[in-house]
Amino acid sequence: MKARCGNCDYLFEREPGYFLGAMYISYALAVFKGTVAFLICYFFFEDVHTLTLCFAIVGVILLFSRRNYRL
């Protein structure tokens, strides 16, 4: 894509903060998924080590974030 219009010299750029709303929603979804993963591990698996719990939460966040990327 051209940087400027050939006729009127209009600059084709997105305004500052264009993706800021998407970042807020993505962060909120990641926090929600992490909280749900923690609660499931905490209540259904009693003897879970802290490091295993952290890996499980990060894995869930990464797995579902890739799934929701296009949203």
PDB file of N, CA and C in Angstrom:
ATOM      1  N   MET A   1       0.842  -1.182   0.000  1.00  0.00           N
ATOM      2  CA  MET A   1       0.000   0.000   0.000  1.00  0.00           C
ATOM      3  C   MET A   1       0.887   1.245   0.000  1.00  0.00           C
ATOM      4  N   LYS A   2       0.471   2.209  -0.736  1.00  0.00           N
ATOM      5  CA  LYS A   2       1.223   3.454  -0.794  1.00  0.00           C
ATOM      6  C   LYS A   2       1.102   4.214   0.525  1.00  0.00           C
ATOM      7  N   ALA A   3       2.136   4.993   0.845  1.00  0.00           N
ATOM      8  CA  ALA A   3       2.126   5.789   2.070  1.00  0.00           C
ATOM      9  C   ALA A   3       1.234   7.029   1.917  1.00  0.00           C
ATOM     10  N   ARG A   4       1.158   7.573   0.696  1.00  0.00           N
ATOM     11  CA  ARG A   4       0.360   8.779   0.448  1.00  0.00           C
ATOM     12  C   ARG A   4      -0.481   8.618  -0.817  1.00  0.00           C
ATOM     13  N   CYS A   5      -1.577   9.341  -0.875  1.00  0.00           N
ATOM     14  CA  CYS A   5      -2.443   9.339  -2.048  1.00  0.00           C
ATOM     15  C   CYS A   5      -1.743  10.063  -3.198  1.00  0.00           C
ATOM     16  N   GLY A   6      -1.851   9.503  -4.412  1.00  0.00           N
ATOM     17  CA  GLY A   6      -1.221  10.108  -5.573  1.00  0.00           C
ATOM     18  C   GLY A   6      -1.886  11.401  -6.024  1.00  0.00           C
ATOM     19  N   ASN A   7      -3.191  11.586  -5.731  1.00  0.00           N
ATOM     20  CA  ASN A   7      -3.923  12.775  -6.172  1.00  0.00           C
ATOM     21  C   ASN A   7      -3.873  13.932  -5.170  1.00  0.00           C
ATOM     22  N   CYS A   8      -4.180  13.621  -3.907  1.00  0.00           N
ATOM     23  CA  CYS A   8      -4.323  14.705  -2.920  1.00  0.00           C
ATOM     24  C   CYS A   8      -3.231  14.700  -1.854  1.00  0.00           C
ATOM     25  N   ASP A   9      -2.288  13.768  -1.923  1.00  0.00           N
ATOM     26  CA  ASP A   9      -1.163  13.680  -0.990  1.00  0.00           C
ATOM     27  C   ASP A   9      -1.622  13.394   0.445  1.00  0.00           C
ATOM     28  N   TYR A  10      -2.775  12.695   0.596  1.00  0.00           N
ATOM     29  CA  TYR A  10      -3.278  12.312   1.924  1.00  0.00           C
ATOM     30  C   TYR A  10      -2.394  11.209   2.492  1.00  0.00           C
ATOM     31  N   LEU A  11      -2.017  11.334   3.752  1.00  0.00           N
ATOM     32  CA  LEU A  11      -1.171  10.361   4.421  1.00  0.00           C
ATOM     33  C   LEU A  11      -2.034   9.236   4.982  1.00  0.00           C
ATOM     34  N   PHE A  12      -1.805   7.993   4.517  1.00  0.00           N
ATOM     35  CA  PHE A  12      -2.567   6.838   4.978  1.00  0.00           C
ATOM     36  C   PHE A  12      -1.923   6.259   6.231  1.00  0.00           C
ATOM     37  N   GLU A  13      -2.297   6.753   7.389  1.00  0.00           N
ATOM     38  CA  GLU A  13      -1.820   6.218   8.662  1.00  0.00           C
ATOM     39  C   GLU A  13      -2.987   6.136   9.626  1.00  0.00           C
ATOM     40  N   ARG A  14      -2.878   5.200  10.544  1.00  0.00           N
ATOM     41  CA  ARG A  14      -3.882   5.122  11.599  1.00  0.00           C
ATOM     42  C   ARG A  14      -3.546   6.150  12.661  1.00  0.00           C
ATOM     43  N   GLU A  15      -4.580   6.656  13.308  1.00  0.00           N
ATOM     44  CA  GLU A  15      -4.359   7.667  14.329  1.00  0.00           C
ATOM     45  C   GLU A  15      -3.687   7.042  15.557  1.00  0.00           C
ATOM     46  N   PRO A  16      -3.024   7.839  16.369  1.00  0.00           N
ATOM     47  CA  PRO A  16      -2.383   7.299  17.573  1.00  0.00           C
ATOM     48  C   PRO A  16      -3.423   6.682  18.509  1.00  0.00           C
ATOM     49  N   GLY A  17      -3.106   5.551  19.067  1.00  0.00           N
ATOM     50  CA  GLY A  17      -4.028   4.873  19.970  1.00  0.00           C
ATOM     51  C   GLY A  17      -5.051   4.014  19.265  1.00  0.00           C
ATOM     52  N   TYR A  18      -4.845   3.719  18.000  1.00  0.00           N
ATOM     53  CA  TYR A  18      -5.834   2.962  17.221  1.00  0.00           C
ATOM     54  C   TYR A  18      -6.086   1.582  17.821  1.00  0.00           C
ATOM     55  N   PHE A  19      -5.027   0.910  18.277  1.00  0.00           N
ATOM     56  CA  PHE A  19      -5.165  -0.442  18.804  1.00  0.00           C
ATOM     57  C   PHE A  19      -5.290  -0.475  20.322  1.00  0.00           C
ATOM     58  N   LEU A  20      -5.431   0.656  20.971  1.00  0.00           N
ATOM     59  CA  LEU A  20      -5.467   0.707  22.425  1.00  0.00           C
ATOM     60  C   LEU A  20      -6.681  -0.018  22.999  1.00  0.00           C
ATOM     61  N   GLY A  21      -7.829   0.141  22.386  1.00  0.00           N
ATOM     62  CA  GLY A  21      -9.035  -0.548  22.862  1.00  0.00           C
ATOM     63  C   GLY A  21      -8.895  -2.059  22.766  1.00  0.00           C
ATOM     64  N   ALA A  22      -8.288  -2.540  21.688  1.00  0.00           N
ATOM     65  CA  ALA A  22      -8.071  -3.978  21.530  1.00  0.00           C
ATOM     66  C   ALA A  22      -7.110  -4.501  22.596  1.00  0.00           C
ATOM     67  N   MET A  23      -6.139  -3.684  22.977  1.00  0.00           N
ATOM     68  CA  MET A  23      -5.206  -4.103  24.022  1.00  0.00           C
ATOM     69  C   MET A  23      -5.910  -4.222  25.363  1.00  0.00           C
ATOM     70  N   TYR A  24      -6.819  -3.300  25.664  1.00  0.00           N
ATOM     71  CA  TYR A  24      -7.585  -3.380  26.915  1.00  0.00           C
ATOM     72  C   TYR A  24      -8.427  -4.643  26.961  1.00  0.00           C
ATOM     73  N   ILE A  25      -9.102  -4.942  25.881  1.00  0.00           N
ATOM     74  CA  ILE A  25      -9.962  -6.127  25.835  1.00  0.00           C
ATOM     75  C   ILE A  25      -9.129  -7.398  25.913  1.00  0.00           C
ATOM     76  N   SER A  26      -8.006  -7.433  25.217  1.00  0.00           N
ATOM     77  CA  SER A  26      -7.127  -8.599  25.266  1.00  0.00           C
ATOM     78  C   SER A  26      -6.604  -8.827  26.671  1.00  0.00           C
ATOM     79  N   TYR A  27      -6.219  -7.767  27.353  1.00  0.00           N
ATOM     80  CA  TYR A  27      -5.732  -7.889  28.730  1.00  0.00           C
ATOM     81  C   TYR A  27      -6.838  -8.394  29.652  1.00  0.00           C
ATOM     82  N   ALA A  28      -8.040  -7.861  29.503  1.00  0.00           N
ATOM     83  CA  ALA A  28      -9.161  -8.297  30.339  1.00  0.00           C
ATOM     84  C   ALA A  28      -9.480  -9.771  30.104  1.00  0.00           C
ATOM     85  N   LEU A  29      -9.447 -10.212  28.863  1.00  0.00           N
ATOM     86  CA  LEU A  29      -9.687 -11.622  28.568  1.00  0.00           C
ATOM     87  C   LEU A  29      -8.601 -12.508  29.172  1.00  0.00           C
ATOM     88  N   ALA A  30      -7.345 -12.074  29.107  1.00  0.00           N
ATOM     89  CA  ALA A  30      -6.246 -12.856  29.671  1.00  0.00           C
ATOM     90  C   ALA A  30      -6.375 -12.963  31.188  1.00  0.00           C
ATOM     91  N   VAL A  31      -6.754 -11.880  31.845  1.00  0.00           N
ATOM     92  CA  VAL A  31      -6.957 -11.919  33.294  1.00  0.00           C
ATOM     93  C   VAL A  31      -8.112 -12.851  33.648  1.00  0.00           C
ATOM     94  N   PHE A  32      -9.189 -12.773  32.895  1.00  0.00           N
ATOM     95  CA  PHE A  32     -10.341 -13.642  33.137  1.00  0.00           C
ATOM     96  C   PHE A  32      -9.967 -15.115  32.964  1.00  0.00           C
ATOM     97  N   LYS A  33      -9.254 -15.433  31.872  1.00  0.00           N
ATOM     98  CA  LYS A  33      -8.854 -16.824  31.616  1.00  0.00           C
ATOM     99  C   LYS A  33      -7.893 -17.323  32.688  1.00  0.00           C
ATOM    100  N   GLY A  34      -6.980 -16.473  33.113  1.00  0.00           N
ATOM    101  CA  GLY A  34      -6.050 -16.859  34.171  1.00  0.00           C
ATOM    102  C   GLY A  34      -6.752 -17.096  35.489  1.00  0.00           C
ATOM    103  N   THR A  35      -7.726 -16.266  35.807  1.00  0.00           N
ATOM    104  CA  THR A  35      -8.484 -16.432  37.044  1.00  0.00           C
ATOM    105  C   THR A  35      -9.301 -17.713  37.027  1.00  0.00           C
ATOM    106  N   VAL A  36      -9.945 -17.996  35.915  1.00  0.00           N
ATOM    107  CA  VAL A  36     -10.730 -19.227  35.794  1.00  0.00           C
ATOM    108  C   VAL A  36      -9.826 -20.456  35.888  1.00  0.00           C
ATOM    109  N   ALA A  37      -8.668 -20.410  35.229  1.00  0.00           N
ATOM    110  CA  ALA A  37      -7.727 -21.532  35.294  1.00  0.00           C
ATOM    111  C   ALA A  37      -7.233 -21.739  36.720  1.00  0.00           C
ATOM    112  N   PHE A  38      -6.947 -20.650  37.434  1.00  0.00           N
ATOM    113  CA  PHE A  38      -6.512 -20.763  38.819  1.00  0.00           C
ATOM    114  C   PHE A  38      -7.596 -21.386  39.688  1.00  0.00           C
ATOM    115  N   LEU A  39      -8.816 -20.908  39.547  1.00  0.00           N
ATOM    116  CA  LEU A  39      -9.905 -21.429  40.375  1.00  0.00           C
ATOM    117  C   LEU A  39     -10.171 -22.908  40.102  1.00  0.00           C
ATOM    118  N   ILE A  40     -10.113 -23.317  38.858  1.00  0.00           N
ATOM    119  CA  ILE A  40     -10.310 -24.726  38.522  1.00  0.00           C
ATOM    120  C   ILE A  40      -9.200 -25.575  39.135  1.00  0.00           C
ATOM    121  N   CYS A  41      -7.963 -25.135  38.987  1.00  0.00           N
ATOM    122  CA  CYS A  41      -6.843 -25.895  39.565  1.00  0.00           C
ATOM    123  C   CYS A  41      -6.902 -25.906  41.079  1.00  0.00           C
ATOM    124  N   TYR A  42      -7.294 -24.808  41.679  1.00  0.00           N
ATOM    125  CA  TYR A  42      -7.322 -24.709  43.138  1.00  0.00           C
ATOM    126  C   TYR A  42      -8.403 -25.589  43.754  1.00  0.00           C
ATOM    127  N   PHE A  43      -9.583 -25.624  43.163  1.00  0.00           N
ATOM    128  CA  PHE A  43     -10.685 -26.357  43.755  1.00  0.00           C
ATOM    129  C   PHE A  43     -10.743 -27.828  43.344  1.00  0.00           C
ATOM    130  N   PHE A  44     -10.247 -28.182  42.159  1.00  0.00           N
ATOM    131  CA  PHE A  44     -10.351 -29.564  41.705  1.00  0.00           C
ATOM    132  C   PHE A  44      -9.083 -30.377  41.904  1.00  0.00           C
ATOM    133  N   PHE A  45      -7.935 -29.741  41.998  1.00  0.00           N
ATOM    134  CA  PHE A  45      -6.671 -30.434  42.202  1.00  0.00           C
ATOM    135  C   PHE A  45      -6.035 -29.897  43.476  1.00  0.00           C
ATOM    136  N   GLU A  46      -6.110 -30.677  44.544  1.00  0.00           N
ATOM    137  CA  GLU A  46      -5.699 -30.185  45.856  1.00  0.00           C
ATOM    138  C   GLU A  46      -4.185 -30.089  46.019  1.00  0.00           C
ATOM    139  N   ASP A  47      -3.439 -31.077  45.541  1.00  0.00           N
ATOM    140  CA  ASP A  47      -1.989 -31.104  45.762  1.00  0.00           C
ATOM    141  C   ASP A  47      -1.219 -30.621  44.538  1.00  0.00           C
ATOM    142  N   VAL A  48      -1.500 -29.415  44.109  1.00  0.00           N
ATOM    143  CA  VAL A  48      -0.800 -28.848  42.952  1.00  0.00           C
ATOM    144  C   VAL A  48       0.316 -27.946  43.461  1.00  0.00           C
ATOM    145  N   HIS A  49       1.521 -28.175  42.956  1.00  0.00           N
ATOM    146  CA  HIS A  49       2.641 -27.323  43.333  1.00  0.00           C
ATOM    147  C   HIS A  49       2.487 -25.956  42.686  1.00  0.00           C
ATOM    148  N   THR A  50       3.097 -24.971  43.295  1.00  0.00           N
ATOM    149  CA  THR A  50       2.967 -23.598  42.820  1.00  0.00           C
ATOM    150  C   THR A  50       3.515 -23.422  41.408  1.00  0.00           C
ATOM    151  N   LEU A  51       4.662 -24.035  41.134  1.00  0.00           N
ATOM    152  CA  LEU A  51       5.248 -23.904  39.805  1.00  0.00           C
ATOM    153  C   LEU A  51       4.374 -24.571  38.743  1.00  0.00           C
ATOM    154  N   THR A  52       3.811 -25.716  39.059  1.00  0.00           N
ATOM    155  CA  THR A  52       2.904 -26.402  38.138  1.00  0.00           C
ATOM    156  C   THR A  52       1.654 -25.562  37.890  1.00  0.00           C
ATOM    157  N   LEU A  53       1.170 -24.930  38.932  1.00  0.00           N
ATOM    158  CA  LEU A  53      -0.001 -24.069  38.805  1.00  0.00           C
ATOM    159  C   LEU A  53       0.303 -22.875  37.895  1.00  0.00           C
ATOM    160  N   CYS A  54       1.475 -22.282  38.060  1.00  0.00           N
ATOM    161  CA  CYS A  54       1.864 -21.148  37.205  1.00  0.00           C
ATOM    162  C   CYS A  54       1.962 -21.569  35.741  1.00  0.00           C
ATOM    163  N   PHE A  55       2.578 -22.723  35.483  1.00  0.00           N
ATOM    164  CA  PHE A  55       2.687 -23.202  34.108  1.00  0.00           C
ATOM    165  C   PHE A  55       1.312 -23.497  33.512  1.00  0.00           C
ATOM    166  N   ALA A  56       0.420 -24.050  34.309  1.00  0.00           N
ATOM    167  CA  ALA A  56      -0.929 -24.339  33.823  1.00  0.00           C
ATOM    168  C   ALA A  56      -1.672 -23.055  33.462  1.00  0.00           C
ATOM    169  N   ILE A  57      -1.553 -22.036  34.295  1.00  0.00           N
ATOM    170  CA  ILE A  57      -2.241 -20.772  34.041  1.00  0.00           C
ATOM    171  C   ILE A  57      -1.684 -20.095  32.797  1.00  0.00           C
ATOM    172  N   VAL A  58      -0.356 -20.048  32.681  1.00  0.00           N
ATOM    173  CA  VAL A  58       0.261 -19.432  31.494  1.00  0.00           C
ATOM    174  C   VAL A  58      -0.102 -20.215  30.235  1.00  0.00           C
ATOM    175  N   GLY A  59      -0.128 -21.542  30.333  1.00  0.00           N
ATOM    176  CA  GLY A  59      -0.508 -22.366  29.183  1.00  0.00           C
ATOM    177  C   GLY A  59      -1.934 -22.103  28.728  1.00  0.00           C
ATOM    178  N   VAL A  60      -2.846 -21.986  29.678  1.00  0.00           N
ATOM    179  CA  VAL A  60      -4.244 -21.706  29.340  1.00  0.00           C
ATOM    180  C   VAL A  60      -4.364 -20.333  28.685  1.00  0.00           C
ATOM    181  N   ILE A  61      -3.672 -19.352  29.249  1.00  0.00           N
ATOM    182  CA  ILE A  61      -3.740 -18.003  28.685  1.00  0.00           C
ATOM    183  C   ILE A  61      -3.202 -17.988  27.254  1.00  0.00           C
ATOM    184  N   LEU A  62      -2.061 -18.628  27.028  1.00  0.00           N
ATOM    185  CA  LEU A  62      -1.483 -18.645  25.678  1.00  0.00           C
ATOM    186  C   LEU A  62      -2.342 -19.430  24.695  1.00  0.00           C
ATOM    187  N   LEU A  63      -2.868 -20.560  25.137  1.00  0.00           N
ATOM    188  CA  LEU A  63      -3.687 -21.388  24.258  1.00  0.00           C
ATOM    189  C   LEU A  63      -4.949 -20.647  23.812  1.00  0.00           C
ATOM    190  N   PHE A  64      -5.655 -20.053  24.743  1.00  0.00           N
ATOM    191  CA  PHE A  64      -6.902 -19.393  24.385  1.00  0.00           C
ATOM    192  C   PHE A  64      -6.683 -18.012  23.786  1.00  0.00           C
ATOM    193  N   SER A  65      -5.556 -17.389  24.058  1.00  0.00           N
ATOM    194  CA  SER A  65      -5.270 -16.090  23.421  1.00  0.00           C
ATOM    195  C   SER A  65      -5.041 -16.268  21.928  1.00  0.00           C
ATOM    196  N   ARG A  66      -4.389 -17.351  21.557  1.00  0.00           N
ATOM    197  CA  ARG A  66      -4.213 -17.629  20.127  1.00  0.00           C
ATOM    198  C   ARG A  66      -5.565 -17.890  19.469  1.00  0.00           C
ATOM    199  N   ARG A  67      -6.455 -18.534  20.205  1.00  0.00           N
ATOM    200  CA  ARG A  67      -7.793 -18.824  19.664  1.00  0.00           C
ATOM    201  C   ARG A  67      -8.611 -17.539  19.473  1.00  0.00           C
ATOM    202  N   ASN A  68      -8.467 -16.596  20.382  1.00  0.00           N
ATOM    203  CA  ASN A  68      -9.255 -15.366  20.327  1.00  0.00           C
ATOM    204  C   ASN A  68      -8.549 -14.233  19.602  1.00  0.00           C
ATOM    205  N   TYR A  69      -7.434 -14.513  18.954  1.00  0.00           N
ATOM    206  CA  TYR A  69      -6.632 -13.466  18.316  1.00  0.00           C
ATOM    207  C   TYR A  69      -7.424 -12.704  17.263  1.00  0.00           C
ATOM    208  N   ARG A  70      -8.211 -13.378  16.488  1.00  0.00           N
ATOM    209  CA  ARG A  70      -8.931 -12.717  15.397  1.00  0.00           C
ATOM    210  C   ARG A  70     -10.102 -11.874  15.895  1.00  0.00           C
ATOM    211  N   LEU A  71     -10.547 -12.118  17.123  1.00  0.00           N
ATOM    212  CA  LEU A  71     -11.672 -11.316  17.651  1.00  0.00           C
ATOM    213  C   LEU A  71     -11.229  -9.896  17.864  1.00  0.00           C
TER     214      LEU A  71
END
